[in-house]
Structures are given as structure tokens and as C-alpha cells.
Amino acid sequence: AVVSTQSTGVFVQVNTSREPQKSGCMPEELLPLADVITKECEGLQLAGVMTIGAFGYDWSQGVNPDFVELLECHKKLAAHLERDDLEISMGMSDDFVRAIEMGSTNVRVGSKIFGARN
């Protein structure tokens, strides 16, 4: 077997909408989870945070609170780990432009490319 010496970048998914059907840690669980990843998982490199906010957010109501929550999580995590290179992944095909405007460094746009899921 070939043993890799490279680490794999991972994003921690934060359940900013607190929806029970979604995975991810709660915002208040992020820092302890990040500590486990950075101190105990030698094959992993914490690359950043991500969220899948509530589906179909109405932007006429103002900025997406799930995105605001993730930005706050990112800020706390960066300070906690004393890192300025952590990425932010928020936004999908329907709201990626707004997510980028708010600071997202990664977006998921599968349905824009491949069409809606069946």
C-alpha cells in the first residue's frame, strides 16, 4: 500500500440554520471540533468553514442570517486558531453571487452546470 504524506483539506460544516434535517456542528460546537481536527487528526488540514443555509431564503428580507452566522463563526475560528488563511464556503446555484459579495471564497454551483436534481 502507498502511504501518503500529504494532508487532506477539510471544511467544517456549520448548521447555521439549526435545521434538524441538516448535518454539521452547531455554531457553539465549532471551536472544540476545530481543536480536535487540528490537534488529533494529523492527516487533515482544516481549510475553512461551510454552511448550507435554509433553502429558498428571501433576499428581499435583507442579508441571509445563515451567511452572517457563518461569517461570525469564521471570524471566531480564525482568532481562536490564529490563522488568516481559513476559507468560507457558502452559497449555491441560486445565491452564489450574493454569497461572494458577502465574502464567500468557495461556492457550490452544481445545478447551474448540470441542472436541477430529479
PDB file of N, CA and C in Angstrom:
ATOM      1  N   ALA A   1       0.831  -1.189   0.000  1.00  0.00           N
ATOM      2  CA  ALA A   1       0.000   0.000   0.000  1.00  0.00           C
ATOM      3  C   ALA A   1       0.872   1.248   0.000  1.00  0.00           C
ATOM      4  N   VAL A   2       0.400   2.265  -0.684  1.00  0.00           N
ATOM      5  CA  VAL A   2       1.102   3.538  -0.737  1.00  0.00           C
ATOM      6  C   VAL A   2       0.597   4.410   0.398  1.00  0.00           C
ATOM      7  N   VAL A   3       1.507   4.953   1.167  1.00  0.00           N
ATOM      8  CA  VAL A   3       1.137   5.835   2.269  1.00  0.00           C
ATOM      9  C   VAL A   3       1.418   7.265   1.843  1.00  0.00           C
ATOM     10  N   SER A   4       0.404   8.089   1.898  1.00  0.00           N
ATOM     11  CA  SER A   4       0.540   9.487   1.508  1.00  0.00           C
ATOM     12  C   SER A   4       1.050  10.316   2.683  1.00  0.00           C
ATOM     13  N   THR A   5       1.926  11.238   2.393  1.00  0.00           N
ATOM     14  CA  THR A   5       2.392  12.169   3.419  1.00  0.00           C
ATOM     15  C   THR A   5       1.675  13.513   3.299  1.00  0.00           C
ATOM     16  N   GLN A   6       0.799  13.619   2.317  1.00  0.00           N
ATOM     17  CA  GLN A   6       0.038  14.852   2.138  1.00  0.00           C
ATOM     18  C   GLN A   6      -1.156  14.865   3.079  1.00  0.00           C
ATOM     19  N   SER A   7      -1.528  16.046   3.520  1.00  0.00           N
ATOM     20  CA  SER A   7      -2.749  16.164   4.311  1.00  0.00           C
ATOM     21  C   SER A   7      -3.900  16.532   3.372  1.00  0.00           C
ATOM     22  N   THR A   8      -5.086  16.217   3.810  1.00  0.00           N
ATOM     23  CA  THR A   8      -6.291  16.486   3.042  1.00  0.00           C
ATOM     24  C   THR A   8      -7.011  17.678   3.654  1.00  0.00           C
ATOM     25  N   GLY A   9      -7.313  18.665   2.838  1.00  0.00           N
ATOM     26  CA  GLY A   9      -8.033  19.838   3.323  1.00  0.00           C
ATOM     27  C   GLY A   9      -9.485  19.519   3.586  1.00  0.00           C
ATOM     28  N   VAL A  10      -9.999  19.992   4.693  1.00  0.00           N
ATOM     29  CA  VAL A  10     -11.396  19.756   5.065  1.00  0.00           C
ATOM     30  C   VAL A  10     -12.053  21.068   5.491  1.00  0.00           C
ATOM     31  N   PHE A  11     -13.339  21.147   5.225  1.00  0.00           N
ATOM     32  CA  PHE A  11     -14.171  22.234   5.708  1.00  0.00           C
ATOM     33  C   PHE A  11     -15.081  21.672   6.785  1.00  0.00           C
ATOM     34  N   VAL A  12     -15.267  22.396   7.858  1.00  0.00           N
ATOM     35  CA  VAL A  12     -16.239  22.006   8.881  1.00  0.00           C
ATOM     36  C   VAL A  12     -17.576  22.611   8.481  1.00  0.00           C
ATOM     37  N   GLN A  13     -18.589  21.738   8.364  1.00  0.00           N
ATOM     38  CA  GLN A  13     -19.931  22.230   8.052  1.00  0.00           C
ATOM     39  C   GLN A  13     -20.604  22.689   9.338  1.00  0.00           C
ATOM     40  N   VAL A  14     -21.068  23.930   9.320  1.00  0.00           N
ATOM     41  CA  VAL A  14     -21.754  24.510  10.469  1.00  0.00           C
ATOM     42  C   VAL A  14     -23.240  24.620  10.120  1.00  0.00           C
ATOM     43  N   ASN A  15     -24.078  24.079  10.973  1.00  0.00           N
ATOM     44  CA  ASN A  15     -25.519  24.108  10.750  1.00  0.00           C
ATOM     45  C   ASN A  15     -26.049  25.453  11.244  1.00  0.00           C
ATOM     46  N   THR A  16     -25.823  26.489  10.451  1.00  0.00           N
ATOM     47  CA  THR A  16     -26.202  27.845  10.846  1.00  0.00           C
ATOM     48  C   THR A  16     -27.709  28.045  10.911  1.00  0.00           C
ATOM     49  N   SER A  17     -28.460  27.257  10.163  1.00  0.00           N
ATOM     50  CA  SER A  17     -29.919  27.384  10.184  1.00  0.00           C
ATOM     51  C   SER A  17     -30.537  26.566  11.311  1.00  0.00           C
ATOM     52  N   ARG A  18     -29.722  25.716  11.950  1.00  0.00           N
ATOM     53  CA  ARG A  18     -30.165  24.867  13.063  1.00  0.00           C
ATOM     54  C   ARG A  18     -31.338  23.980  12.684  1.00  0.00           C
ATOM     55  N   GLU A  19     -31.386  23.597  11.417  1.00  0.00           N
ATOM     56  CA  GLU A  19     -32.447  22.711  10.948  1.00  0.00           C
ATOM     57  C   GLU A  19     -32.084  21.272  11.297  1.00  0.00           C
ATOM     58  N   PRO A  20     -32.998  20.528  11.912  1.00  0.00           N
ATOM     59  CA  PRO A  20     -32.659  19.164  12.344  1.00  0.00           C
ATOM     60  C   PRO A  20     -32.354  18.212  11.191  1.00  0.00           C
ATOM     61  N   GLN A  21     -32.845  18.489   9.999  1.00  0.00           N
ATOM     62  CA  GLN A  21     -32.603  17.605   8.856  1.00  0.00           C
ATOM     63  C   GLN A  21     -31.229  17.831   8.223  1.00  0.00           C
ATOM     64  N   LYS A  22     -30.508  18.855   8.690  1.00  0.00           N
ATOM     65  CA  LYS A  22     -29.193  19.161   8.125  1.00  0.00           C
ATOM     66  C   LYS A  22     -28.087  18.677   9.049  1.00  0.00           C
ATOM     67  N   SER A  23     -26.991  18.306   8.418  1.00  0.00           N
ATOM     68  CA  SER A  23     -25.820  17.868   9.173  1.00  0.00           C
ATOM     69  C   SER A  23     -24.957  19.064   9.523  1.00  0.00           C
ATOM     70  N   GLY A  24     -23.912  18.794  10.248  1.00  0.00           N
ATOM     71  CA  GLY A  24     -22.967  19.830  10.635  1.00  0.00           C
ATOM     72  C   GLY A  24     -23.033  20.106  12.111  1.00  0.00           C
ATOM     73  N   CYS A  25     -21.995  20.745  12.594  1.00  0.00           N
ATOM     74  CA  CYS A  25     -21.971  21.089  14.012  1.00  0.00           C
ATOM     75  C   CYS A  25     -22.762  22.374  14.232  1.00  0.00           C
ATOM     76  N   MET A  26     -23.218  22.551  15.442  1.00  0.00           N
ATOM     77  CA  MET A  26     -23.859  23.800  15.810  1.00  0.00           C
ATOM     78  C   MET A  26     -22.748  24.859  15.950  1.00  0.00           C
ATOM     79  N   PRO A  27     -23.062  26.114  15.749  1.00  0.00           N
ATOM     80  CA  PRO A  27     -22.030  27.153  15.838  1.00  0.00           C
ATOM     81  C   PRO A  27     -21.212  27.089  17.132  1.00  0.00           C
ATOM     82  N   GLU A  28     -21.863  26.805  18.233  1.00  0.00           N
ATOM     83  CA  GLU A  28     -21.155  26.761  19.514  1.00  0.00           C
ATOM     84  C   GLU A  28     -20.239  25.541  19.654  1.00  0.00           C
ATOM     85  N   GLU A  29     -20.352  24.579  18.761  1.00  0.00           N
ATOM     86  CA  GLU A  29     -19.500  23.382  18.784  1.00  0.00           C
ATOM     87  C   GLU A  29     -18.267  23.517  17.886  1.00  0.00           C
ATOM     88  N   LEU A  30     -18.198  24.601  17.118  1.00  0.00           N
ATOM     89  CA  LEU A  30     -17.148  24.739  16.119  1.00  0.00           C
ATOM     90  C   LEU A  30     -15.738  24.750  16.701  1.00  0.00           C
ATOM     91  N   LEU A  31     -15.483  25.562  17.695  1.00  0.00           N
ATOM     92  CA  LEU A  31     -14.120  25.694  18.213  1.00  0.00           C
ATOM     93  C   LEU A  31     -13.598  24.387  18.815  1.00  0.00           C
ATOM     94  N   PRO A  32     -14.392  23.687  19.648  1.00  0.00           N
ATOM     95  CA  PRO A  32     -13.901  22.400  20.154  1.00  0.00           C
ATOM     96  C   PRO A  32     -13.653  21.377  19.030  1.00  0.00           C
ATOM     97  N   LEU A  33     -14.509  21.366  18.021  1.00  0.00           N
ATOM     98  CA  LEU A  33     -14.319  20.447  16.898  1.00  0.00           C
ATOM     99  C   LEU A  33     -13.058  20.815  16.115  1.00  0.00           C
ATOM    100  N   ALA A  34     -12.837  22.084  15.909  1.00  0.00           N
ATOM    101  CA  ALA A  34     -11.631  22.534  15.207  1.00  0.00           C
ATOM    102  C   ALA A  34     -10.376  22.134  15.975  1.00  0.00           C
ATOM    103  N   ASP A  35     -10.442  22.198  17.292  1.00  0.00           N
ATOM    104  CA  ASP A  35      -9.297  21.777  18.106  1.00  0.00           C
ATOM    105  C   ASP A  35      -8.987  20.298  17.897  1.00  0.00           C
ATOM    106  N   VAL A  36     -10.018  19.471  17.825  1.00  0.00           N
ATOM    107  CA  VAL A  36      -9.807  18.042  17.577  1.00  0.00           C
ATOM    108  C   VAL A  36      -9.160  17.835  16.215  1.00  0.00           C
ATOM    109  N   ILE A  37      -9.673  18.504  15.208  1.00  0.00           N
ATOM    110  CA  ILE A  37      -9.131  18.351  13.855  1.00  0.00           C
ATOM    111  C   ILE A  37      -7.672  18.796  13.803  1.00  0.00           C
ATOM    112  N   THR A  38      -7.375  19.953  14.373  1.00  0.00           N
ATOM    113  CA  THR A  38      -6.018  20.497  14.256  1.00  0.00           C
ATOM    114  C   THR A  38      -5.010  19.799  15.158  1.00  0.00           C
ATOM    115  N   LYS A  39      -5.470  19.213  16.275  1.00  0.00           N
ATOM    116  CA  LYS A  39      -4.537  18.601  17.230  1.00  0.00           C
ATOM    117  C   LYS A  39      -4.462  17.080  17.147  1.00  0.00           C
ATOM    118  N   GLU A  40      -5.541  16.444  16.674  1.00  0.00           N
ATOM    119  CA  GLU A  40      -5.592  14.987  16.738  1.00  0.00           C
ATOM    120  C   GLU A  40      -5.713  14.294  15.383  1.00  0.00           C
ATOM    121  N   CYS A  41      -5.944  15.026  14.330  1.00  0.00           N
ATOM    122  CA  CYS A  41      -6.153  14.418  13.010  1.00  0.00           C
ATOM    123  C   CYS A  41      -5.000  14.814  12.087  1.00  0.00           C
ATOM    124  N   GLU A  42      -3.889  14.122  12.223  1.00  0.00           N
ATOM    125  CA  GLU A  42      -2.676  14.541  11.527  1.00  0.00           C
ATOM    126  C   GLU A  42      -2.793  14.483  10.009  1.00  0.00           C
ATOM    127  N   GLY A  43      -3.701  13.695   9.469  1.00  0.00           N
ATOM    128  CA  GLY A  43      -3.861  13.622   8.020  1.00  0.00           C
ATOM    129  C   GLY A  43      -4.797  14.669   7.453  1.00  0.00           C
ATOM    130  N   LEU A  44      -5.371  15.501   8.327  1.00  0.00           N
ATOM    131  CA  LEU A  44      -6.320  16.519   7.879  1.00  0.00           C
ATOM    132  C   LEU A  44      -5.762  17.911   8.106  1.00  0.00           C
ATOM    133  N   GLN A  45      -6.069  18.795   7.183  1.00  0.00           N
ATOM    134  CA  GLN A  45      -5.701  20.207   7.299  1.00  0.00           C
ATOM    135  C   GLN A  45      -7.000  21.007   7.268  1.00  0.00           C
ATOM    136  N   LEU A  46      -7.300  21.705   8.340  1.00  0.00           N
ATOM    137  CA  LEU A  46      -8.530  22.494   8.397  1.00  0.00           C
ATOM    138  C   LEU A  46      -8.425  23.645   7.402  1.00  0.00           C
ATOM    139  N   ALA A  47      -9.261  23.598   6.367  1.00  0.00           N
ATOM    140  CA  ALA A  47      -9.219  24.596   5.296  1.00  0.00           C
ATOM    141  C   ALA A  47     -10.200  25.740   5.528  1.00  0.00           C
ATOM    142  N   GLY A  48     -11.294  25.460   6.252  1.00  0.00           N
ATOM    143  CA  GLY A  48     -12.265  26.518   6.472  1.00  0.00           C
ATOM    144  C   GLY A  48     -13.589  25.999   6.980  1.00  0.00           C
ATOM    145  N   VAL A  49     -14.612  26.839   6.839  1.00  0.00           N
ATOM    146  CA  VAL A  49     -15.962  26.525   7.296  1.00  0.00           C
ATOM    147  C   VAL A  49     -16.928  26.619   6.126  1.00  0.00           C
ATOM    148  N   MET A  50     -18.016  25.890   6.244  1.00  0.00           N
ATOM    149  CA  MET A  50     -19.039  25.907   5.199  1.00  0.00           C
ATOM    150  C   MET A  50     -20.412  25.813   5.844  1.00  0.00           C
ATOM    151  N   THR A  51     -21.413  26.224   5.088  1.00  0.00           N
ATOM    152  CA  THR A  51     -22.791  26.064   5.531  1.00  0.00           C
ATOM    153  C   THR A  51     -23.689  25.822   4.335  1.00  0.00           C
ATOM    154  N   ILE A  52     -24.771  25.148   4.593  1.00  0.00           N
ATOM    155  CA  ILE A  52     -25.881  25.056   3.651  1.00  0.00           C
ATOM    156  C   ILE A  52     -27.039  25.713   4.391  1.00  0.00           C
ATOM    157  N   GLY A  53     -27.260  26.952   4.098  1.00  0.00           N
ATOM    158  CA  GLY A  53     -28.291  27.704   4.808  1.00  0.00           C
ATOM    159  C   GLY A  53     -29.687  27.207   4.476  1.00  0.00           C
ATOM    160  N   ALA A  54     -30.654  27.816   5.101  1.00  0.00           N
ATOM    161  CA  ALA A  54     -32.052  27.461   4.854  1.00  0.00           C
ATOM    162  C   ALA A  54     -32.359  27.627   3.368  1.00  0.00           C
ATOM    163  N   PHE A  55     -33.032  26.651   2.792  1.00  0.00           N
ATOM    164  CA  PHE A  55     -33.344  26.670   1.363  1.00  0.00           C
ATOM    165  C   PHE A  55     -34.341  27.769   1.048  1.00  0.00           C
ATOM    166  N   GLY A  56     -34.104  28.451  -0.069  1.00  0.00           N
ATOM    167  CA  GLY A  56     -35.070  29.421  -0.582  1.00  0.00           C
ATOM    168  C   GLY A  56     -35.152  30.708   0.215  1.00  0.00           C
ATOM    169  N   TYR A  57     -34.042  31.149   0.797  1.00  0.00           N
ATOM    170  CA  TYR A  57     -34.080  32.387   1.566  1.00  0.00           C
ATOM    171  C   TYR A  57     -34.550  33.539   0.678  1.00  0.00           C
ATOM    172  N   ASP A  58     -35.416  34.388   1.217  1.00  0.00           N
ATOM    173  CA  ASP A  58     -35.960  35.551   0.506  1.00  0.00           C
ATOM    174  C   ASP A  58     -35.052  36.758   0.754  1.00  0.00           C
ATOM    175  N   TRP A  59     -34.227  37.075  -0.225  1.00  0.00           N
ATOM    176  CA  TRP A  59     -33.249  38.157  -0.082  1.00  0.00           C
ATOM    177  C   TRP A  59     -33.902  39.532   0.033  1.00  0.00           C
ATOM    178  N   SER A  60     -35.189  39.632  -0.275  1.00  0.00           N
ATOM    179  CA  SER A  60     -35.857  40.926  -0.086  1.00  0.00           C
ATOM    180  C   SER A  60     -35.991  41.249   1.403  1.00  0.00           C
ATOM    181  N   GLN A  61     -35.752  40.242   2.263  1.00  0.00           N
ATOM    182  CA  GLN A  61     -35.819  40.429   3.717  1.00  0.00           C
ATOM    183  C   GLN A  61     -34.495  40.950   4.294  1.00  0.00           C
ATOM    184  N   GLY A  62     -33.491  41.120   3.431  1.00  0.00           N
ATOM    185  CA  GLY A  62     -32.172  41.571   3.892  1.00  0.00           C
ATOM    186  C   GLY A  62     -31.147  40.475   3.718  1.00  0.00           C
ATOM    187  N   VAL A  63     -29.973  40.678   4.304  1.00  0.00           N
ATOM    188  CA  VAL A  63     -28.904  39.694   4.155  1.00  0.00           C
ATOM    189  C   VAL A  63     -29.305  38.373   4.808  1.00  0.00           C
ATOM    190  N   ASN A  64     -28.773  37.308   4.259  1.00  0.00           N
ATOM    191  CA  ASN A  64     -29.090  35.968   4.740  1.00  0.00           C
ATOM    192  C   ASN A  64     -28.483  35.758   6.132  1.00  0.00           C
ATOM    193  N   PRO A  65     -29.314  35.516   7.148  1.00  0.00           N
ATOM    194  CA  PRO A  65     -28.783  35.348   8.505  1.00  0.00           C
ATOM    195  C   PRO A  65     -27.865  34.130   8.638  1.00  0.00           C
ATOM    196  N   ASP A  66     -28.053  33.118   7.805  1.00  0.00           N
ATOM    197  CA  ASP A  66     -27.161  31.953   7.841  1.00  0.00           C
ATOM    198  C   ASP A  66     -25.764  32.332   7.373  1.00  0.00           C
ATOM    199  N   PHE A  67     -25.679  33.186   6.391  1.00  0.00           N
ATOM    200  CA  PHE A  67     -24.375  33.651   5.913  1.00  0.00           C
ATOM    201  C   PHE A  67     -23.708  34.541   6.966  1.00  0.00           C
ATOM    202  N   VAL A  68     -24.498  35.400   7.590  1.00  0.00           N
ATOM    203  CA  VAL A  68     -23.975  36.265   8.652  1.00  0.00           C
ATOM    204  C   VAL A  68     -23.427  35.399   9.790  1.00  0.00           C
ATOM    205  N   GLU A  69     -24.164  34.369  10.160  1.00  0.00           N
ATOM    206  CA  GLU A  69     -23.732  33.455  11.232  1.00  0.00           C
ATOM    207  C   GLU A  69     -22.426  32.766  10.862  1.00  0.00           C
ATOM    208  N   LEU A  70     -22.297  32.312   9.612  1.00  0.00           N
ATOM    209  CA  LEU A  70     -21.067  31.640   9.209  1.00  0.00           C
ATOM    210  C   LEU A  70     -19.889  32.615   9.208  1.00  0.00           C
ATOM    211  N   LEU A  71     -20.113  33.841   8.791  1.00  0.00           N
ATOM    212  CA  LEU A  71     -19.040  34.835   8.827  1.00  0.00           C
ATOM    213  C   LEU A  71     -18.561  35.061  10.257  1.00  0.00           C
ATOM    214  N   GLU A  72     -19.484  35.080  11.194  1.00  0.00           N
ATOM    215  CA  GLU A  72     -19.116  35.238  12.601  1.00  0.00           C
ATOM    216  C   GLU A  72     -18.345  34.014  13.097  1.00  0.00           C
ATOM    217  N   CYS A  73     -18.784  32.826  12.700  1.00  0.00           N
ATOM    218  CA  CYS A  73     -18.065  31.594  13.057  1.00  0.00           C
ATOM    219  C   CYS A  73     -16.647  31.631  12.496  1.00  0.00           C
ATOM    220  N   HIS A  74     -16.513  32.051  11.255  1.00  0.00           N
ATOM    221  CA  HIS A  74     -15.208  32.148  10.604  1.00  0.00           C
ATOM    222  C   HIS A  74     -14.295  33.107  11.370  1.00  0.00           C
ATOM    223  N   LYS A  75     -14.837  34.243  11.756  1.00  0.00           N
ATOM    224  CA  LYS A  75     -14.060  35.247  12.493  1.00  0.00           C
ATOM    225  C   LYS A  75     -13.568  34.675  13.825  1.00  0.00           C
ATOM    226  N   LYS A  76     -14.456  34.012  14.559  1.00  0.00           N
ATOM    227  CA  LYS A  76     -14.081  33.417  15.849  1.00  0.00           C
ATOM    228  C   LYS A  76     -13.046  32.319  15.670  1.00  0.00           C
ATOM    229  N   LEU A  77     -13.231  31.490  14.643  1.00  0.00           N
ATOM    230  CA  LEU A  77     -12.309  30.389  14.392  1.00  0.00           C
ATOM    231  C   LEU A  77     -10.928  30.907  14.011  1.00  0.00           C
ATOM    232  N   ALA A  78     -10.876  31.907  13.152  1.00  0.00           N
ATOM    233  CA  ALA A  78      -9.598  32.476  12.732  1.00  0.00           C
ATOM    234  C   ALA A  78      -8.845  33.053  13.932  1.00  0.00           C
ATOM    235  N   ALA A  79      -9.558  33.730  14.818  1.00  0.00           N
ATOM    236  CA  ALA A  79      -8.926  34.281  16.020  1.00  0.00           C
ATOM    237  C   ALA A  79      -8.468  33.164  16.951  1.00  0.00           C
ATOM    238  N   HIS A  80      -9.311  32.168  17.130  1.00  0.00           N
ATOM    239  CA  HIS A  80      -9.006  31.040  18.016  1.00  0.00           C
ATOM    240  C   HIS A  80      -7.756  30.291  17.562  1.00  0.00           C
ATOM    241  N   LEU A  81      -7.648  30.069  16.260  1.00  0.00           N
ATOM    242  CA  LEU A  81      -6.512  29.311  15.720  1.00  0.00           C
ATOM    243  C   LEU A  81      -5.338  30.212  15.312  1.00  0.00           C
ATOM    244  N   GLU A  82      -5.555  31.516  15.419  1.00  0.00           N
ATOM    245  CA  GLU A  82      -4.549  32.494  14.989  1.00  0.00           C
ATOM    246  C   GLU A  82      -4.117  32.229  13.548  1.00  0.00           C
ATOM    247  N   ARG A  83      -5.133  32.140  12.680  1.00  0.00           N
ATOM    248  CA  ARG A  83      -4.890  31.902  11.254  1.00  0.00           C
ATOM    249  C   ARG A  83      -5.661  32.929  10.441  1.00  0.00           C
ATOM    250  N   ASP A  84      -5.061  33.330   9.329  1.00  0.00           N
ATOM    251  CA  ASP A  84      -5.740  34.271   8.437  1.00  0.00           C
ATOM    252  C   ASP A  84      -5.976  33.668   7.058  1.00  0.00           C
ATOM    253  N   ASP A  85      -5.818  32.355   6.954  1.00  0.00           N
ATOM    254  CA  ASP A  85      -5.952  31.687   5.658  1.00  0.00           C
ATOM    255  C   ASP A  85      -7.161  30.766   5.568  1.00  0.00           C
ATOM    256  N   LEU A  86      -8.058  30.819   6.526  1.00  0.00           N
ATOM    257  CA  LEU A  86      -9.228  29.944   6.506  1.00  0.00           C
ATOM    258  C   LEU A  86     -10.242  30.428   5.468  1.00  0.00           C
ATOM    259  N   GLU A  87     -10.792  29.491   4.733  1.00  0.00           N
ATOM    260  CA  GLU A  87     -11.745  29.826   3.681  1.00  0.00           C
ATOM    261  C   GLU A  87     -13.182  29.760   4.184  1.00  0.00           C
ATOM    262  N   ILE A  88     -14.081  30.295   3.366  1.00  0.00           N
ATOM    263  CA  ILE A  88     -15.513  30.321   3.681  1.00  0.00           C
ATOM    264  C   ILE A  88     -16.257  29.763   2.481  1.00  0.00           C
ATOM    265  N   SER A  89     -17.058  28.732   2.718  1.00  0.00           N
ATOM    266  CA  SER A  89     -17.870  28.166   1.649  1.00  0.00           C
ATOM    267  C   SER A  89     -19.342  28.327   2.004  1.00  0.00           C
ATOM    268  N   MET A  90     -19.978  29.223   1.292  1.00  0.00           N
ATOM    269  CA  MET A  90     -21.422  29.428   1.453  1.00  0.00           C
ATOM    270  C   MET A  90     -21.946  29.873   0.108  1.00  0.00           C
ATOM    271  N   GLY A  91     -23.157  29.533  -0.160  1.00  0.00           N
ATOM    272  CA  GLY A  91     -23.757  29.889  -1.433  1.00  0.00           C
ATOM    273  C   GLY A  91     -23.801  28.716  -2.382  1.00  0.00           C
ATOM    274  N   MET A  92     -24.932  28.606  -3.054  1.00  0.00           N
ATOM    275  CA  MET A  92     -25.121  27.563  -4.053  1.00  0.00           C
ATOM    276  C   MET A  92     -25.661  28.233  -5.314  1.00  0.00           C
ATOM    277  N   SER A  93     -26.133  27.443  -6.237  1.00  0.00           N
ATOM    278  CA  SER A  93     -26.514  27.966  -7.553  1.00  0.00           C
ATOM    279  C   SER A  93     -27.461  29.162  -7.493  1.00  0.00           C
ATOM    280  N   ASP A  94     -28.380  29.172  -6.559  1.00  0.00           N
ATOM    281  CA  ASP A  94     -29.382  30.240  -6.522  1.00  0.00           C
ATOM    282  C   ASP A  94     -28.915  31.520  -5.840  1.00  0.00           C
ATOM    283  N   ASP A  95     -27.847  31.436  -5.046  1.00  0.00           N
ATOM    284  CA  ASP A  95     -27.451  32.633  -4.292  1.00  0.00           C
ATOM    285  C   ASP A  95     -25.939  32.856  -4.245  1.00  0.00           C
ATOM    286  N   PHE A  96     -25.211  32.227  -5.162  1.00  0.00           N
ATOM    287  CA  PHE A  96     -23.761  32.310  -5.094  1.00  0.00           C
ATOM    288  C   PHE A  96     -23.218  33.720  -5.289  1.00  0.00           C
ATOM    289  N   VAL A  97     -23.897  34.531  -6.105  1.00  0.00           N
ATOM    290  CA  VAL A  97     -23.413  35.901  -6.326  1.00  0.00           C
ATOM    291  C   VAL A  97     -23.479  36.687  -5.018  1.00  0.00           C
ATOM    292  N   ARG A  98     -24.570  36.562  -4.316  1.00  0.00           N
ATOM    293  CA  ARG A  98     -24.705  37.267  -3.029  1.00  0.00           C
ATOM    294  C   ARG A  98     -23.721  36.729  -2.002  1.00  0.00           C
ATOM    295  N   ALA A  99     -23.501  35.412  -2.034  1.00  0.00           N
ATOM    296  CA  ALA A  99     -22.543  34.811  -1.108  1.00  0.00           C
ATOM    297  C   ALA A  99     -21.135  35.357  -1.354  1.00  0.00           C
ATOM    298  N   ILE A 100     -20.760  35.480  -2.608  1.00  0.00           N
ATOM    299  CA  ILE A 100     -19.447  36.038  -2.939  1.00  0.00           C
ATOM    300  C   ILE A 100     -19.361  37.489  -2.472  1.00  0.00           C
ATOM    301  N   GLU A 101     -20.428  38.242  -2.682  1.00  0.00           N
ATOM    302  CA  GLU A 101     -20.456  39.634  -2.226  1.00  0.00           C
ATOM    303  C   GLU A 101     -20.269  39.740  -0.709  1.00  0.00           C
ATOM    304  N   MET A 102     -20.722  38.708   0.006  1.00  0.00           N
ATOM    305  CA  MET A 102     -20.605  38.710   1.469  1.00  0.00           C
ATOM    306  C   MET A 102     -19.278  38.134   1.955  1.00  0.00           C
ATOM    307  N   GLY A 103     -18.469  37.586   1.045  1.00  0.00           N
ATOM    308  CA  GLY A 103     -17.152  37.111   1.455  1.00  0.00           C
ATOM    309  C   GLY A 103     -16.858  35.648   1.222  1.00  0.00           C
ATOM    310  N   SER A 104     -17.762  34.918   0.590  1.00  0.00           N
ATOM    311  CA  SER A 104     -17.503  33.505   0.333  1.00  0.00           C
ATOM    312  C   SER A 104     -16.313  33.339  -0.608  1.00  0.00           C
ATOM    313  N   THR A 105     -15.449  32.385  -0.283  1.00  0.00           N
ATOM    314  CA  THR A 105     -14.296  32.086  -1.135  1.00  0.00           C
ATOM    315  C   THR A 105     -14.521  30.815  -1.947  1.00  0.00           C
ATOM    316  N   ASN A 106     -15.584  30.085  -1.640  1.00  0.00           N
ATOM    317  CA  ASN A 106     -15.958  28.863  -2.368  1.00  0.00           C
ATOM    318  C   ASN A 106     -17.473  28.833  -2.485  1.00  0.00           C
ATOM    319  N   VAL A 107     -17.968  28.381  -3.632  1.00  0.00           N
ATOM    320  CA  VAL A 107     -19.407  28.219  -3.822  1.00  0.00           C
ATOM    321  C   VAL A 107     -19.664  26.868  -4.484  1.00  0.00           C
ATOM    322  N   ARG A 108     -20.884  26.391  -4.341  1.00  0.00           N
ATOM    323  CA  ARG A 108     -21.289  25.127  -4.963  1.00  0.00           C
ATOM    324  C   ARG A 108     -22.378  25.452  -5.987  1.00  0.00           C
ATOM    325  N   VAL A 109     -22.083  25.161  -7.249  1.00  0.00           N
ATOM    326  CA  VAL A 109     -22.988  25.577  -8.321  1.00  0.00           C
ATOM    327  C   VAL A 109     -23.376  24.409  -9.237  1.00  0.00           C
ATOM    328  N   GLY A 110     -23.513  23.234  -8.675  1.00  0.00           N
ATOM    329  CA  GLY A 110     -23.817  22.048  -9.475  1.00  0.00           C
ATOM    330  C   GLY A 110     -25.065  22.162 -10.324  1.00  0.00           C
ATOM    331  N   SER A 111     -26.167  22.655  -9.763  1.00  0.00           N
ATOM    332  CA  SER A 111     -27.407  22.705 -10.545  1.00  0.00           C
ATOM    333  C   SER A 111     -27.335  23.769 -11.633  1.00  0.00           C
ATOM    334  N   LYS A 112     -26.485  24.785 -11.483  1.00  0.00           N
ATOM    335  CA  LYS A 112     -26.280  25.763 -12.559  1.00  0.00           C
ATOM    336  C   LYS A 112     -25.601  25.093 -13.752  1.00  0.00           C
ATOM    337  N   ILE A 113     -24.738  24.120 -13.463  1.00  0.00           N
ATOM    338  CA  ILE A 113     -23.986  23.432 -14.518  1.00  0.00           C
ATOM    339  C   ILE A 113     -24.759  22.230 -15.053  1.00  0.00           C
ATOM    340  N   PHE A 114     -25.283  21.401 -14.137  1.00  0.00           N
ATOM    341  CA  PHE A 114     -25.885  20.135 -14.524  1.00  0.00           C
ATOM    342  C   PHE A 114     -27.397  20.120 -14.531  1.00  0.00           C
ATOM    343  N   GLY A 115     -28.029  21.176 -14.050  1.00  0.00           N
ATOM    344  CA  GLY A 115     -29.468  21.211 -13.966  1.00  0.00           C
ATOM    345  C   GLY A 115     -29.958  20.733 -12.610  1.00  0.00           C
ATOM    346  N   ALA A 116     -31.233  20.936 -12.372  1.00  0.00           N
ATOM    347  CA  ALA A 116     -31.828  20.549 -11.090  1.00  0.00           C
ATOM    348  C   ALA A 116     -31.811  19.039 -10.934  1.00  0.00           C
ATOM    349  N   ARG A 117     -31.755  18.604  -9.682  1.00  0.00           N
ATOM    350  CA  ARG A 117     -31.811  17.172  -9.383  1.00  0.00           C
ATOM    351  C   ARG A 117     -33.195  16.640  -9.632  1.00  0.00           C
ATOM    352  N   ASN A 118     -33.268  15.374  -9.993  1.00  0.00           N
ATOM    353  CA  ASN A 118     -34.577  14.732 -10.187  1.00  0.00           C
ATOM    354  C   ASN A 118     -35.045  14.082  -8.917  1.00  0.00           C
TER     355      ASN A 118
END
